[in-house]
N, C-alpha and C. Protein backbone atom coordinates (compact mmCIF):
# COMPACT_ATOMS: atom_id res chain seq x y z
N MET A 1 -103.32 118.83 19.61
CA MET A 1 -103.13 117.76 19.80
C MET A 1 -101.40 116.70 20.59
N ASP A 2 -100.47 116.91 21.46
CA ASP A 2 -99.49 116.55 21.73
C ASP A 2 -99.12 115.05 21.43
N PHE A 3 -97.90 115.38 20.09
CA PHE A 3 -97.88 114.17 19.23
C PHE A 3 -96.45 114.25 20.52
N SER A 4 -96.32 114.62 20.80
CA SER A 4 -94.92 113.75 21.70
C SER A 4 -94.69 112.72 22.45
N SER A 5 -96.98 113.33 22.85
CA SER A 5 -96.40 111.81 23.83
C SER A 5 -96.80 110.83 23.23
N TYR A 6 -96.91 110.48 22.37
CA TYR A 6 -97.42 109.12 21.33
C TYR A 6 -95.98 108.83 21.23
N GLN A 7 -94.57 109.65 21.39
CA GLN A 7 -93.45 108.75 21.48
C GLN A 7 -93.57 108.37 22.75
N GLU A 8 -93.45 109.12 23.34
CA GLU A 8 -93.19 108.64 25.41
C GLU A 8 -93.68 107.26 25.71
N PHE A 9 -95.31 107.70 24.44
CA PHE A 9 -96.63 106.39 25.55
C PHE A 9 -95.61 104.84 24.44
N LEU A 10 -95.24 105.41 22.77
CA LEU A 10 -94.31 104.08 23.13
C LEU A 10 -93.48 103.35 23.69
N SER A 11 -92.26 105.08 23.74
CA SER A 11 -90.91 104.27 25.06
C SER A 11 -90.75 103.39 26.30
N SER A 12 -92.50 103.86 26.75
CA SER A 12 -92.67 103.02 27.74
C SER A 12 -93.28 101.88 27.67
N MET A 13 -93.03 101.26 25.97
CA MET A 13 -93.07 100.29 25.95
C MET A 13 -92.56 99.22 26.15
N ALA A 14 -92.86 97.44 26.42
CA ALA A 14 -91.43 96.78 26.48
C ALA A 14 -91.14 96.01 24.91
N PRO A 15 -90.42 96.07 24.27
CA PRO A 15 -90.63 95.82 22.80
C PRO A 15 -91.27 94.95 21.97
N PHE A 16 -91.46 93.60 22.90
CA PHE A 16 -93.26 92.27 22.72
C PHE A 16 -94.48 93.36 22.53
N LEU A 17 -94.50 94.02 23.30
CA LEU A 17 -95.41 94.71 23.58
C LEU A 17 -96.12 95.74 22.00
N LEU A 18 -94.54 96.16 21.98
CA LEU A 18 -94.59 97.20 21.09
C LEU A 18 -94.65 97.08 20.04
N TYR A 19 -94.23 95.12 19.43
CA TYR A 19 -95.15 94.92 18.25
C TYR A 19 -96.52 94.81 17.66
N VAL A 20 -96.54 93.89 19.20
CA VAL A 20 -98.10 93.61 19.75
C VAL A 20 -99.44 94.60 19.06
N PHE A 21 -98.72 95.88 19.75
CA PHE A 21 -99.27 97.17 19.40
C PHE A 21 -99.08 98.02 18.58
N MET A 22 -97.84 97.89 17.91
CA MET A 22 -98.40 98.11 16.47
C MET A 22 -99.09 97.70 15.40
N GLY A 23 -98.87 96.17 15.49
CA GLY A 23 -99.09 94.73 14.58
C GLY A 23 -100.75 95.29 14.51
N VAL A 24 -101.34 95.24 15.84
CA VAL A 24 -102.91 95.97 16.32
C VAL A 24 -103.49 97.03 15.77
N ILE A 25 -102.89 97.90 16.34
CA ILE A 25 -103.66 99.27 15.89
C ILE A 25 -103.91 98.90 14.45
N ILE A 26 -101.94 98.90 13.57
CA ILE A 26 -102.15 99.39 12.18
C ILE A 26 -103.22 98.33 11.41
N PHE A 27 -104.13 97.18 11.83
CA PHE A 27 -104.19 96.16 11.59
C PHE A 27 -106.04 96.98 11.83
N LEU A 28 -106.75 97.54 12.52
CA LEU A 28 -107.78 98.26 12.83
C LEU A 28 -108.06 99.30 11.86
N GLU A 29 -107.44 99.59 11.91
CA GLU A 29 -107.31 100.89 11.84
C GLU A 29 -107.31 100.97 10.02
N THR A 30 -106.42 100.06 9.30
CA THR A 30 -106.78 99.49 7.86
C THR A 30 -108.02 98.96 7.38
N GLY A 31 -108.34 97.16 9.07
CA GLY A 31 -109.28 96.95 8.54
C GLY A 31 -110.67 97.12 9.20
N VAL A 32 -111.10 97.55 10.04
CA VAL A 32 -112.54 97.97 10.45
C VAL A 32 -112.54 99.64 10.61
N LEU A 33 -113.67 99.75 9.78
CA LEU A 33 -114.52 100.58 9.50
C LEU A 33 -114.14 102.07 10.96
N VAL A 34 -114.90 101.30 12.31
CA VAL A 34 -115.16 102.25 13.46
C VAL A 34 -114.01 102.10 14.12
N ALA A 35 -112.20 102.18 13.33
CA ALA A 35 -111.27 102.64 13.71
C ALA A 35 -110.62 103.60 12.82
N PHE A 36 -111.49 104.48 11.81
CA PHE A 36 -110.87 104.98 11.11
C PHE A 36 -110.38 106.88 12.20
N PHE A 37 -110.48 106.31 13.20
CA PHE A 37 -110.27 108.49 13.75
C PHE A 37 -108.79 107.70 13.90
N ILE A 38 -108.32 106.78 14.14
CA ILE A 38 -106.86 105.99 14.61
C ILE A 38 -105.52 106.90 14.00
N PRO A 39 -104.55 107.28 14.36
CA PRO A 39 -103.70 108.68 14.26
C PRO A 39 -102.27 107.19 13.49
N GLY A 40 -102.80 107.19 11.87
CA GLY A 40 -101.92 105.42 11.65
C GLY A 40 -100.35 106.68 11.76
N ASP A 41 -100.31 107.97 11.21
CA ASP A 41 -99.08 108.07 10.00
C ASP A 41 -98.30 108.60 11.81
N SER A 42 -99.07 108.88 12.62
CA SER A 42 -98.22 109.90 13.95
C SER A 42 -97.81 108.32 14.20
N LEU A 43 -98.12 107.39 14.10
CA LEU A 43 -97.75 106.36 15.26
C LEU A 43 -96.77 105.56 14.33
N LEU A 44 -96.46 104.94 13.21
CA LEU A 44 -95.16 104.84 12.28
C LEU A 44 -94.36 105.76 12.71
N PHE A 45 -94.55 106.99 11.87
CA PHE A 45 -93.67 107.79 12.27
C PHE A 45 -92.43 107.67 13.95
N PHE A 46 -93.27 107.97 14.86
CA PHE A 46 -92.52 108.09 16.20
C PHE A 46 -92.47 106.40 16.53
N ALA A 47 -93.04 105.09 15.76
CA ALA A 47 -92.59 104.36 16.28
C ALA A 47 -91.00 104.61 15.90
N GLY A 48 -90.89 104.74 14.43
CA GLY A 48 -89.87 104.55 13.94
C GLY A 48 -87.95 105.06 15.02
N LEU A 49 -89.55 106.55 15.56
CA LEU A 49 -88.38 107.31 16.66
C LEU A 49 -87.80 106.07 17.61
N VAL A 50 -88.55 105.53 17.93
CA VAL A 50 -88.72 104.85 19.54
C VAL A 50 -87.59 103.24 18.54
N ALA A 51 -87.55 103.42 17.62
CA ALA A 51 -86.82 101.67 17.04
C ALA A 51 -85.44 102.65 17.23
N ALA A 52 -85.06 103.50 16.44
CA ALA A 52 -84.20 104.01 16.64
C ALA A 52 -83.30 104.20 17.92
N SER A 53 -83.67 104.90 18.94
CA SER A 53 -83.30 105.64 20.03
C SER A 53 -83.47 103.97 21.65
N THR A 54 -83.67 102.73 21.28
CA THR A 54 -83.47 101.41 21.44
C THR A 54 -82.45 100.59 21.06
N ASP A 55 -81.22 100.05 21.42
CA ASP A 55 -80.80 98.81 20.54
C ASP A 55 -82.42 97.16 21.44
N ASN A 56 -83.12 97.23 21.88
CA ASN A 56 -83.92 96.85 22.17
C ASN A 56 -85.11 96.09 20.69
N VAL A 57 -85.45 97.76 19.82
CA VAL A 57 -86.32 96.83 19.28
C VAL A 57 -85.77 96.88 17.47
N ASN A 58 -86.24 95.32 17.14
CA ASN A 58 -85.29 95.43 16.00
C ASN A 58 -86.04 95.57 14.79
N ILE A 59 -85.94 96.87 14.06
CA ILE A 59 -86.38 97.35 13.48
C ILE A 59 -86.86 96.64 12.26
N LEU A 60 -86.48 95.67 11.65
CA LEU A 60 -86.37 94.72 10.45
C LEU A 60 -87.96 93.82 10.83
N LEU A 61 -88.02 93.64 11.83
CA LEU A 61 -89.38 92.93 12.82
C LEU A 61 -90.31 93.85 13.06
N LEU A 62 -89.98 94.72 13.45
CA LEU A 62 -90.88 95.98 13.53
C LEU A 62 -92.22 96.06 11.89
N VAL A 63 -90.89 96.53 10.74
CA VAL A 63 -91.65 96.54 9.87
C VAL A 63 -92.23 95.93 9.11
N SER A 64 -91.48 94.54 9.38
CA SER A 64 -92.17 93.42 9.00
C SER A 64 -93.68 93.50 9.42
N ILE A 65 -94.01 93.65 10.80
CA ILE A 65 -95.09 93.62 11.36
C ILE A 65 -96.03 94.51 10.75
N ILE A 66 -96.11 95.81 10.94
CA ILE A 66 -96.29 96.66 10.70
C ILE A 66 -96.78 96.11 8.68
N PHE A 67 -96.75 96.12 7.79
CA PHE A 67 -96.47 95.88 6.72
C PHE A 67 -97.10 93.97 6.70
N LEU A 68 -97.16 93.42 7.50
CA LEU A 68 -98.65 92.74 7.51
C LEU A 68 -99.88 92.73 8.27
N ALA A 69 -99.50 93.75 9.30
CA ALA A 69 -100.56 94.44 9.34
C ALA A 69 -101.50 94.76 9.16
N ALA A 70 -101.09 96.08 7.71
CA ALA A 70 -101.34 97.02 6.72
C ALA A 70 -101.73 96.55 5.83
N PHE A 71 -101.22 95.25 5.07
CA PHE A 71 -101.55 94.38 4.02
C PHE A 71 -102.95 94.02 4.39
N MET A 72 -102.91 93.35 5.51
CA MET A 72 -103.98 92.26 5.95
C MET A 72 -105.35 92.88 6.69
N GLY A 73 -105.24 94.15 6.64
CA GLY A 73 -106.01 94.98 6.98
C GLY A 73 -107.21 95.55 5.88
N ASP A 74 -106.41 95.75 4.70
CA ASP A 74 -106.66 96.17 3.36
C ASP A 74 -107.46 94.47 3.13
N GLN A 75 -106.94 93.92 3.17
CA GLN A 75 -107.58 92.63 2.93
C GLN A 75 -108.94 92.39 3.31
N VAL A 76 -109.45 92.48 4.21
CA VAL A 76 -110.20 91.67 4.86
C VAL A 76 -110.97 92.74 5.40
N GLY A 77 -111.17 94.27 5.12
CA GLY A 77 -111.49 95.30 3.94
C GLY A 77 -112.53 95.28 3.27
N PHE A 78 -111.59 94.93 1.97
CA PHE A 78 -112.07 94.54 1.00
C PHE A 78 -112.73 93.91 0.55
N ALA A 79 -112.23 92.40 1.62
CA ALA A 79 -113.56 91.11 1.63
C ALA A 79 -115.00 91.40 1.68
N LEU A 80 -115.15 92.53 3.06
CA LEU A 80 -116.32 92.76 3.90
C LEU A 80 -116.99 93.30 2.77
N GLY A 81 -116.11 94.37 2.17
CA GLY A 81 -116.51 95.30 0.91
C GLY A 81 -117.63 94.25 0.08
N ARG A 82 -117.00 93.16 -0.47
CA ARG A 82 -117.10 92.66 -1.49
C ARG A 82 -118.10 91.63 -1.18
N THR A 83 -118.08 90.70 -0.21
CA THR A 83 -119.53 90.12 0.36
C THR A 83 -120.42 90.88 1.43
N VAL A 84 -120.34 91.24 2.40
CA VAL A 84 -121.11 92.09 2.81
C VAL A 84 -121.67 93.16 2.33
N GLY A 85 -120.69 94.01 1.85
CA GLY A 85 -121.42 95.86 1.97
C GLY A 85 -121.99 95.61 0.96
N ARG A 86 -121.26 95.04 -0.88
CA ARG A 86 -122.57 94.80 -1.79
C ARG A 86 -123.50 93.84 -1.91
N SER A 87 -123.40 92.89 -0.94
CA SER A 87 -124.66 91.82 -0.63
C SER A 87 -126.00 93.08 -0.46
N TYR A 88 -125.36 93.59 0.60
CA TYR A 88 -126.51 94.73 1.41
C TYR A 88 -127.02 95.66 0.23
N LEU A 89 -126.18 96.47 -0.84
CA LEU A 89 -126.39 97.16 -1.80
C LEU A 89 -127.51 97.05 -2.53
N ASP A 90 -127.00 95.48 -2.52
CA ASP A 90 -127.82 95.70 -4.07
C ASP A 90 -129.41 94.96 -3.81
N LYS A 91 -129.63 94.99 -2.63
CA LYS A 91 -131.17 94.67 -1.47
C LYS A 91 -131.61 95.99 -1.25
N SER A 92 -130.44 96.80 -1.91
CA SER A 92 -131.21 98.22 -1.54
C SER A 92 -132.44 98.65 -2.82
N ASN A 93 -133.34 98.87 -2.51
CA ASN A 93 -133.60 99.93 -3.51
C ASN A 93 -133.84 101.71 -3.71
N ARG A 94 -132.85 101.97 -2.54
CA ARG A 94 -132.75 103.56 -2.69
C ARG A 94 -131.76 104.09 -3.29
N PRO A 95 -132.39 105.15 -3.70
CA PRO A 95 -131.45 105.73 -4.91
C PRO A 95 -130.61 106.22 -4.57
N ARG A 96 -130.47 106.97 -3.46
CA ARG A 96 -129.38 107.04 -2.19
C ARG A 96 -127.34 105.85 -2.64
N PHE A 97 -128.70 104.65 -2.89
CA PHE A 97 -127.22 103.58 -2.19
C PHE A 97 -127.01 103.25 -3.78
N ILE A 98 -128.16 103.06 -4.75
CA ILE A 98 -127.57 103.31 -5.88
C ILE A 98 -126.57 104.01 -6.86
N LYS A 99 -127.02 105.45 -6.70
CA LYS A 99 -125.61 106.51 -7.15
C LYS A 99 -125.00 105.88 -5.81
N MET A 100 -124.89 105.84 -5.32
CA MET A 100 -123.19 105.58 -4.49
C MET A 100 -122.55 104.85 -4.83
N VAL A 101 -123.24 103.51 -5.26
CA VAL A 101 -122.35 102.70 -6.00
C VAL A 101 -121.62 103.02 -7.51
N ALA A 102 -123.32 103.16 -8.23
CA ALA A 102 -122.85 103.16 -9.37
C ALA A 102 -120.91 104.62 -8.74
N SER A 103 -121.09 106.07 -8.34
CA SER A 103 -120.05 107.06 -8.48
C SER A 103 -118.45 106.05 -8.55
N ALA A 104 -118.71 105.06 -7.27
CA ALA A 104 -117.99 103.97 -6.45
C ALA A 104 -117.17 103.60 -8.29
N GLU A 105 -118.10 102.92 -9.06
CA GLU A 105 -117.68 102.17 -9.95
C GLU A 105 -116.76 102.62 -10.56
N ARG A 106 -117.35 103.61 -11.03
CA ARG A 106 -116.58 104.96 -11.88
C ARG A 106 -115.21 105.60 -11.94
N PHE A 107 -115.38 105.77 -10.86
CA PHE A 107 -114.39 106.27 -9.59
C PHE A 107 -113.08 105.49 -10.06
N TYR A 108 -113.40 104.10 -9.58
CA TYR A 108 -112.35 102.44 -9.26
C TYR A 108 -112.37 102.30 -10.26
N SER A 109 -113.09 102.58 -11.78
CA SER A 109 -113.15 101.75 -12.92
C SER A 109 -111.89 103.18 -14.20
N ARG A 110 -111.90 104.27 -13.57
CA ARG A 110 -110.52 105.27 -13.55
C ARG A 110 -109.30 105.83 -13.01
N TYR A 111 -109.35 105.28 -11.41
CA TYR A 111 -108.81 105.52 -10.65
C TYR A 111 -108.45 104.44 -9.95
N GLY A 112 -109.01 103.42 -9.87
CA GLY A 112 -109.26 102.40 -9.08
C GLY A 112 -107.48 102.49 -8.08
N TRP A 113 -106.67 101.30 -8.80
CA TRP A 113 -105.57 100.84 -8.81
C TRP A 113 -104.68 101.90 -8.09
N TRP A 114 -104.45 103.45 -8.41
CA TRP A 114 -103.88 104.18 -8.16
C TRP A 114 -104.34 105.06 -6.49
N ALA A 115 -105.85 104.59 -6.22
CA ALA A 115 -106.37 105.16 -5.23
C ALA A 115 -106.45 104.21 -4.14
N VAL A 116 -105.86 102.76 -4.36
CA VAL A 116 -106.26 102.16 -3.37
C VAL A 116 -104.59 102.41 -2.88
N VAL A 117 -103.32 102.53 -3.24
CA VAL A 117 -102.05 103.07 -3.37
C VAL A 117 -102.07 104.39 -2.61
N PHE A 118 -102.58 105.91 -3.10
CA PHE A 118 -102.02 106.50 -2.50
C PHE A 118 -103.42 107.19 -1.40
N ALA A 119 -104.46 106.27 -0.78
CA ALA A 119 -105.17 105.67 0.47
C ALA A 119 -104.32 106.13 1.39
N ARG A 120 -103.52 105.12 1.85
CA ARG A 120 -102.65 104.94 2.34
C ARG A 120 -102.21 106.40 2.89
N PHE A 121 -102.25 107.05 2.33
CA PHE A 121 -101.35 108.21 3.20
C PHE A 121 -102.79 109.47 3.74
N TYR A 122 -104.22 109.17 3.46
CA TYR A 122 -104.69 110.05 4.17
C TYR A 122 -105.97 109.72 5.37
N PRO A 123 -106.14 109.73 5.88
CA PRO A 123 -106.02 109.61 7.30
C PRO A 123 -108.13 108.96 6.89
N TRP A 124 -108.61 108.66 7.73
CA TRP A 124 -109.92 108.14 6.79
C TRP A 124 -110.58 107.54 5.92
N ILE A 125 -109.50 108.34 5.11
CA ILE A 125 -109.73 107.68 4.08
C ILE A 125 -109.58 106.33 3.77
N ARG A 126 -108.30 105.71 4.67
CA ARG A 126 -107.46 104.54 4.35
C ARG A 126 -108.37 103.97 4.91
N THR A 127 -109.25 104.34 5.13
CA THR A 127 -110.27 103.01 6.40
C THR A 127 -111.07 102.24 5.40
N PHE A 128 -111.65 103.27 4.46
CA PHE A 128 -112.95 102.88 4.00
C PHE A 128 -112.83 102.43 2.65
N VAL A 129 -111.56 103.03 1.44
CA VAL A 129 -110.94 102.56 0.45
C VAL A 129 -111.51 100.99 0.16
N PRO A 130 -110.61 100.53 0.86
CA PRO A 130 -111.01 98.57 0.90
C PRO A 130 -112.03 98.43 0.56
N PRO A 131 -112.31 98.51 1.87
CA PRO A 131 -113.85 98.02 1.28
C PRO A 131 -115.13 98.86 0.43
N ILE A 132 -114.92 99.65 -0.35
CA ILE A 132 -115.41 100.74 -1.15
C ILE A 132 -115.06 99.93 -2.51
N ALA A 133 -113.82 99.42 -2.52
CA ALA A 133 -113.43 98.61 -3.69
C ALA A 133 -114.00 97.15 -3.46
N GLY A 134 -114.10 96.38 -2.36
CA GLY A 134 -114.62 95.69 -3.09
C GLY A 134 -116.47 96.01 -3.41
N ILE A 135 -116.63 96.71 -2.99
CA ILE A 135 -118.24 96.87 -2.86
C ILE A 135 -118.53 97.44 -4.75
N SER A 136 -117.38 98.10 -4.55
CA SER A 136 -117.52 97.97 -6.78
C SER A 136 -117.01 97.47 -7.92
N LYS A 137 -116.43 95.99 -7.07
CA LYS A 137 -115.83 94.65 -7.71
C LYS A 137 -115.09 95.02 -8.30
N MET A 138 -113.64 95.86 -8.05
CA MET A 138 -112.72 95.64 -8.08
C MET A 138 -111.66 95.03 -8.90
N ASN A 139 -111.59 94.79 -9.22
CA ASN A 139 -110.47 93.57 -9.84
C ASN A 139 -109.58 92.90 -8.82
N TYR A 140 -109.80 91.88 -8.36
CA TYR A 140 -109.15 91.49 -7.42
C TYR A 140 -107.63 90.99 -6.82
N TYR A 141 -106.56 90.75 -8.43
CA TYR A 141 -105.90 91.05 -8.42
C TYR A 141 -105.37 92.15 -8.43
N ARG A 142 -105.65 93.46 -8.55
CA ARG A 142 -104.82 94.80 -9.45
C ARG A 142 -105.25 95.20 -7.87
N PHE A 143 -106.58 94.86 -6.78
CA PHE A 143 -106.11 95.57 -5.98
C PHE A 143 -105.03 94.91 -4.58
N LEU A 144 -104.87 93.84 -5.10
CA LEU A 144 -103.50 92.64 -3.76
C LEU A 144 -102.38 93.09 -4.51
N SER A 145 -102.37 93.46 -5.45
CA SER A 145 -100.68 94.73 -6.10
C SER A 145 -101.33 95.75 -6.03
N ALA A 146 -101.81 96.75 -5.79
CA ALA A 146 -102.36 98.18 -5.28
C ALA A 146 -102.18 98.00 -3.86
N ASN A 147 -102.99 97.00 -2.84
CA ASN A 147 -102.84 96.82 -1.52
C ASN A 147 -101.38 96.72 -1.08
N ALA A 148 -100.62 96.06 -1.71
CA ALA A 148 -99.39 94.88 -1.46
C ALA A 148 -98.23 96.12 -1.34
N LEU A 149 -98.36 97.37 -2.37
CA LEU A 149 -97.42 98.37 -2.89
C LEU A 149 -97.79 99.35 -1.78
N GLY A 150 -98.67 99.54 -1.57
CA GLY A 150 -99.99 100.63 -0.30
C GLY A 150 -98.95 100.40 0.86
N ALA A 151 -99.42 98.98 1.44
CA ALA A 151 -98.67 98.78 2.51
C ALA A 151 -96.90 98.78 2.64
N PHE A 152 -96.65 98.81 1.74
CA PHE A 152 -95.17 98.65 1.57
C PHE A 152 -94.54 100.36 1.71
N VAL A 153 -94.84 100.87 0.83
CA VAL A 153 -94.97 102.44 0.82
C VAL A 153 -94.69 103.61 1.70
N TRP A 154 -96.28 103.35 2.57
CA TRP A 154 -97.00 104.03 4.20
C TRP A 154 -96.33 103.20 4.96
N GLY A 155 -96.90 101.76 5.79
CA GLY A 155 -96.03 101.26 6.05
C GLY A 155 -94.64 101.74 6.96
N VAL A 156 -93.97 100.83 5.54
CA VAL A 156 -92.34 100.34 5.53
C VAL A 156 -91.71 102.07 5.62
N GLY A 157 -92.35 102.85 4.92
CA GLY A 157 -91.81 103.96 4.42
C GLY A 157 -92.15 105.01 5.93
N MET A 158 -93.19 105.27 6.85
CA MET A 158 -93.22 106.16 6.69
C MET A 158 -92.61 105.78 8.31
N THR A 159 -92.34 104.22 9.04
CA THR A 159 -91.29 103.93 10.38
C THR A 159 -90.27 104.11 9.36
N LEU A 160 -90.37 103.52 9.08
CA LEU A 160 -87.96 104.03 8.35
C LEU A 160 -88.28 105.59 8.33
N LEU A 161 -88.73 106.47 8.23
CA LEU A 161 -88.66 107.82 8.27
C LEU A 161 -88.31 108.30 9.85
N GLY A 162 -89.58 107.73 10.09
CA GLY A 162 -89.25 108.03 11.83
C GLY A 162 -87.80 107.49 12.43
N TYR A 163 -87.21 105.86 11.78
CA TYR A 163 -86.19 105.56 12.36
C TYR A 163 -84.66 106.13 11.62
N TYR A 164 -84.53 106.56 10.77
CA TYR A 164 -83.88 107.67 10.22
C TYR A 164 -83.58 108.56 10.43
N ALA A 165 -84.93 109.34 11.13
CA ALA A 165 -85.01 110.88 11.31
C ALA A 165 -83.75 111.58 12.20
N VAL A 166 -83.13 110.10 13.19
CA VAL A 166 -82.67 110.83 14.29
C VAL A 166 -80.73 111.18 14.04
N GLN A 167 -80.85 110.74 12.64
CA GLN A 167 -80.11 110.96 11.84
C GLN A 167 -79.29 112.20 11.17
N PHE A 168 -80.26 113.02 11.55
CA PHE A 168 -80.22 114.49 10.16
C PHE A 168 -81.43 114.52 11.80
N PRO A 169 -80.48 115.81 12.32
CA PRO A 169 -80.82 116.18 13.69
C PRO A 169 -82.20 117.67 13.22
N TRP A 170 -82.10 117.88 12.23
CA TRP A 170 -83.37 118.72 11.84
C TRP A 170 -84.66 118.33 11.51
N ILE A 171 -84.01 117.03 10.73
CA ILE A 171 -85.66 116.17 11.10
C ILE A 171 -86.27 115.97 12.41
N ASP A 172 -85.68 115.78 13.70
CA ASP A 172 -85.46 114.05 14.88
C ASP A 172 -86.12 116.04 15.62
N GLU A 173 -85.47 116.83 15.86
CA GLU A 173 -85.85 118.64 16.20
C GLU A 173 -87.54 118.87 15.91
N ASN A 174 -88.22 118.60 14.61
CA ASN A 174 -89.11 118.57 14.15
C ASN A 174 -90.39 118.04 13.59
N SER A 175 -90.14 117.03 14.47
CA SER A 175 -90.33 115.73 14.64
C SER A 175 -92.07 116.09 14.84
N LYS A 176 -92.28 117.13 15.35
CA LYS A 176 -94.14 116.74 15.47
C LYS A 176 -94.89 117.76 14.39
N LEU A 177 -93.85 118.95 13.72
CA LEU A 177 -94.31 120.13 12.95
C LEU A 177 -94.17 119.16 11.48
N ILE A 178 -93.53 117.86 11.86
CA ILE A 178 -93.22 116.88 10.61
C ILE A 178 -94.75 116.03 10.54
N ALA A 179 -95.38 115.96 11.23
CA ALA A 179 -95.87 115.10 11.50
C ALA A 179 -97.15 115.66 11.58
N LEU A 180 -97.69 117.18 11.93
CA LEU A 180 -98.16 117.63 12.02
C LEU A 180 -99.04 118.04 9.70
N PHE A 181 -97.73 117.78 9.27
CA PHE A 181 -97.79 118.43 7.89
C PHE A 181 -98.55 117.26 6.93
N PHE A 182 -97.85 115.70 7.59
CA PHE A 182 -99.01 115.07 6.94
C PHE A 182 -100.31 114.45 7.20
N ILE A 183 -100.39 114.77 8.37
CA ILE A 183 -102.16 115.02 8.73
C ILE A 183 -103.14 115.77 8.23
N VAL A 184 -102.11 117.37 8.27
CA VAL A 184 -102.65 118.43 6.96
C VAL A 184 -102.65 118.45 5.63
N LEU A 185 -101.24 117.40 5.68
CA LEU A 185 -101.45 117.41 3.29
C LEU A 185 -102.60 115.95 3.53
N SER A 186 -102.16 115.10 3.82
CA SER A 186 -103.57 114.01 4.09
C SER A 186 -105.37 114.33 3.74
N LEU A 187 -105.32 115.85 4.25
CA LEU A 187 -106.42 116.23 4.97
C LEU A 187 -106.78 116.85 3.27
N VAL A 188 -105.78 117.53 3.46
CA VAL A 188 -105.68 118.11 1.32
C VAL A 188 -105.92 117.42 0.61
N SER A 189 -105.25 116.67 0.81
CA SER A 189 -105.71 115.53 -1.21
C SER A 189 -106.89 114.49 -1.04
N GLY A 190 -107.50 114.46 0.16
CA GLY A 190 -108.45 113.74 0.58
C GLY A 190 -110.11 114.24 0.10
N PHE A 191 -109.47 116.04 0.00
CA PHE A 191 -111.06 116.51 0.02
C PHE A 191 -110.69 117.07 -1.57
N VAL A 192 -109.19 117.05 -2.37
CA VAL A 192 -108.90 117.29 -3.68
C VAL A 192 -109.44 116.10 -4.36
N ASN A 193 -109.54 114.68 -3.67
CA ASN A 193 -109.67 113.57 -4.07
C ASN A 193 -111.44 113.33 -4.63
N TYR A 194 -111.97 114.24 -3.07
CA TYR A 194 -113.42 114.10 -3.39
C TYR A 194 -113.77 115.47 -4.47
N LEU A 195 -112.91 116.32 -4.38
CA LEU A 195 -114.17 116.98 -5.14
C LEU A 195 -113.61 116.24 -6.83
N ARG A 196 -112.25 115.85 -7.24
CA ARG A 196 -112.48 114.62 -8.13
C ARG A 196 -113.63 114.20 -8.97
N LEU A 197 -113.45 113.35 -7.57
CA LEU A 197 -114.41 111.97 -7.68
C LEU A 197 -116.11 112.85 -8.26
N GLN A 198 -116.55 114.26 -7.65
CA GLN A 198 -117.63 114.94 -7.90
C GLN A 198 -117.62 115.01 -9.31
N ARG A 199 -116.52 115.32 -10.15
CA ARG A 199 -116.61 115.94 -11.05
C ARG A 199 -116.81 114.60 -12.26
N LEU A 200 -116.80 113.55 -11.45
CA LEU A 200 -117.09 112.35 -12.84
C LEU A 200 -118.29 112.33 -13.70
N PRO A 201 -118.00 111.97 -15.09
CA PRO A 201 -119.19 112.11 -15.28
C PRO A 201 -120.06 110.85 -14.88
N GLN A 202 -121.94 111.10 -14.96
CA GLN A 202 -122.19 110.91 -14.55
C GLN A 202 -123.27 109.44 -15.10
N SER A 203 -123.72 108.44 -14.49
CA SER A 203 -124.36 107.69 -15.63
C SER A 203 -125.06 107.92 -16.40
N LYS A 204 -125.29 107.60 -17.40
CA LYS A 204 -126.97 107.64 -18.02
C LYS A 204 -127.46 106.85 -17.94
N SER A 205 -127.10 105.10 -17.34
CA SER A 205 -128.66 104.68 -16.54
C SER A 205 -129.49 105.05 -15.86
């Protein structure tokens, strides 16, 4: 994967298109299940680098759009899980689905708030956590607060990391390795969380 192509691609955009592109991409990755493959971490980081390298991109506007897109994406995912997903699963008598929902409910009962926050940093997983939270009937206000914090820490934080990277030569020079590090760390963390879910006590019902 050529991470430098991300920066070149984003740099070629006019500021308005960059704002729109980042908003749409981050919303799709967090709110639409079929967009789980989008490399959000790297795009955020390199969007910050691009903003720092030109006077035409307003970093405050950029991070505001990204925050709103990330927040609304998870809200849509949660709503879809709560309405469409839960309705579908409740009507299903398949043992596999019943077991999956029961496991999800136990997981969110124990780790739900933090799971929503930290799922932001896990590629692929961050796309599926909101609808699963909705399906498992996680408290809406708990999800709302976790969603807002996660959108800020991930969306704004990753973008600002790229933005301020130009002030530290070693970060700017190793931007590709940093992007790769985030992806590897996310994959490892996601695997650890999967194992943790598997070790949750089974329901007696």
